[in-house]
C-alpha atoms as a PDB file:
ATOM      1  CA  GLY A   1     112.932 -15.875 -51.205  1.00  0.00           C
ATOM      2  CA  ILE A   2     111.573 -13.670 -49.040  1.00  0.00           C
ATOM      3  CA  PRO A   3     112.313  -9.846 -49.696  1.00  0.00           C
ATOM      4  CA  VAL A   4     113.433  -8.273 -46.579  1.00  0.00           C
ATOM      5  CA  ALA A   5     113.966  -4.645 -46.111  1.00  0.00           C
ATOM      6  CA  VAL A   6     115.735  -3.223 -42.675  1.00  0.00           C
ATOM      7  CA  THR A   7     115.971  -0.072 -41.188  1.00  0.00           C
ATOM      8  CA  TYR A   8     116.656   2.227 -38.219  1.00  0.00           C
ATOM      9  CA  HIS A   9     114.646   1.478 -34.842  1.00  0.00           C
ATOM     10  CA  PRO A  10     112.583   4.364 -33.903  1.00  0.00           C
ATOM     11  CA  ALA A  11     113.737   5.049 -30.775  1.00  0.00           C
ATOM     12  CA  TYR A  12     117.156   6.070 -32.293  1.00  0.00           C
ATOM     13  CA  LEU A  13     115.521   8.014 -34.765  1.00  0.00           C
ATOM     14  CA  LEU A  14     114.008  10.206 -32.084  1.00  0.00           C
ATOM     15  CA  ARG A  15     117.963  10.504 -30.219  1.00  0.00           C
ATOM     16  CA  ASN A  16     119.395  11.106 -33.976  1.00  0.00           C
ATOM     17  CA  LEU A  17     116.489  12.994 -36.001  1.00  0.00           C
ATOM     18  CA  PRO A  18     119.130  13.318 -38.977  1.00  0.00           C
ATOM     19  CA  ASP A  19     118.757   9.989 -39.862  1.00  0.00           C
ATOM     20  CA  LYS A  20     114.821   9.947 -40.550  1.00  0.00           C
ATOM     21  CA  ALA A  21     115.712  10.585 -44.066  1.00  0.00           C
ATOM     22  CA  LYS A  22     117.095   7.514 -44.344  1.00  0.00           C
ATOM     23  CA  ALA A  23     114.501   5.808 -42.611  1.00  0.00           C
ATOM     24  CA  TRP A  24     111.887   7.468 -45.101  1.00  0.00           C
ATOM     25  CA  GLU A  25     114.085   5.947 -47.766  1.00  0.00           C
ATOM     26  CA  ASP A  26     114.271   2.588 -46.381  1.00  0.00           C
ATOM     27  CA  LEU A  27     110.196   3.097 -45.901  1.00  0.00           C
ATOM     28  CA  CYS A  28     109.736   4.095 -49.410  1.00  0.00           C
ATOM     29  CA  PHE A  29     112.325   1.300 -50.786  1.00  0.00           C
ATOM     30  CA  ALA A  30     109.905  -1.086 -48.946  1.00  0.00           C
ATOM     31  CA  ARG A  31     106.886   0.294 -50.212  1.00  0.00           C
ATOM     32  CA  ASN A  32     107.907   0.018 -53.741  1.00  0.00           C
ATOM     33  CA  THR A  33     108.826  -3.283 -53.439  1.00  0.00           C
ATOM     34  CA  MET A  34     105.694  -4.493 -51.818  1.00  0.00           C
ATOM     35  CA  ARG A  35     104.334  -2.866 -54.714  1.00  0.00           C
ATOM     36  CA  ARG A  36     106.082  -4.479 -57.878  1.00  0.00           C
ATOM     37  CA  ILE A  37     105.754  -7.922 -56.222  1.00  0.00           C
ATOM     38  CA  ALA A  38     101.368  -7.321 -55.912  1.00  0.00           C
ATOM     39  CA  ALA A  39     101.917  -6.262 -59.949  1.00  0.00           C
ATOM     40  CA  GLY A  40     103.827  -9.414 -60.010  1.00  0.00           C
ATOM     41  CA  VAL A  41     106.541  -7.475 -61.669  1.00  0.00           C
ATOM     42  CA  GLU A  42     109.459  -8.686 -59.098  1.00  0.00           C
END
């Protein structure tokens, strides 16, 4: 299957600054997932 990462819309984050930390965690998760795939670790 194709990995999918879902996160917050940028406009939502501008209105709800405390949720930026959650969005950052989502982006870090996506980055780490892509790194694992690129390394063939899947």
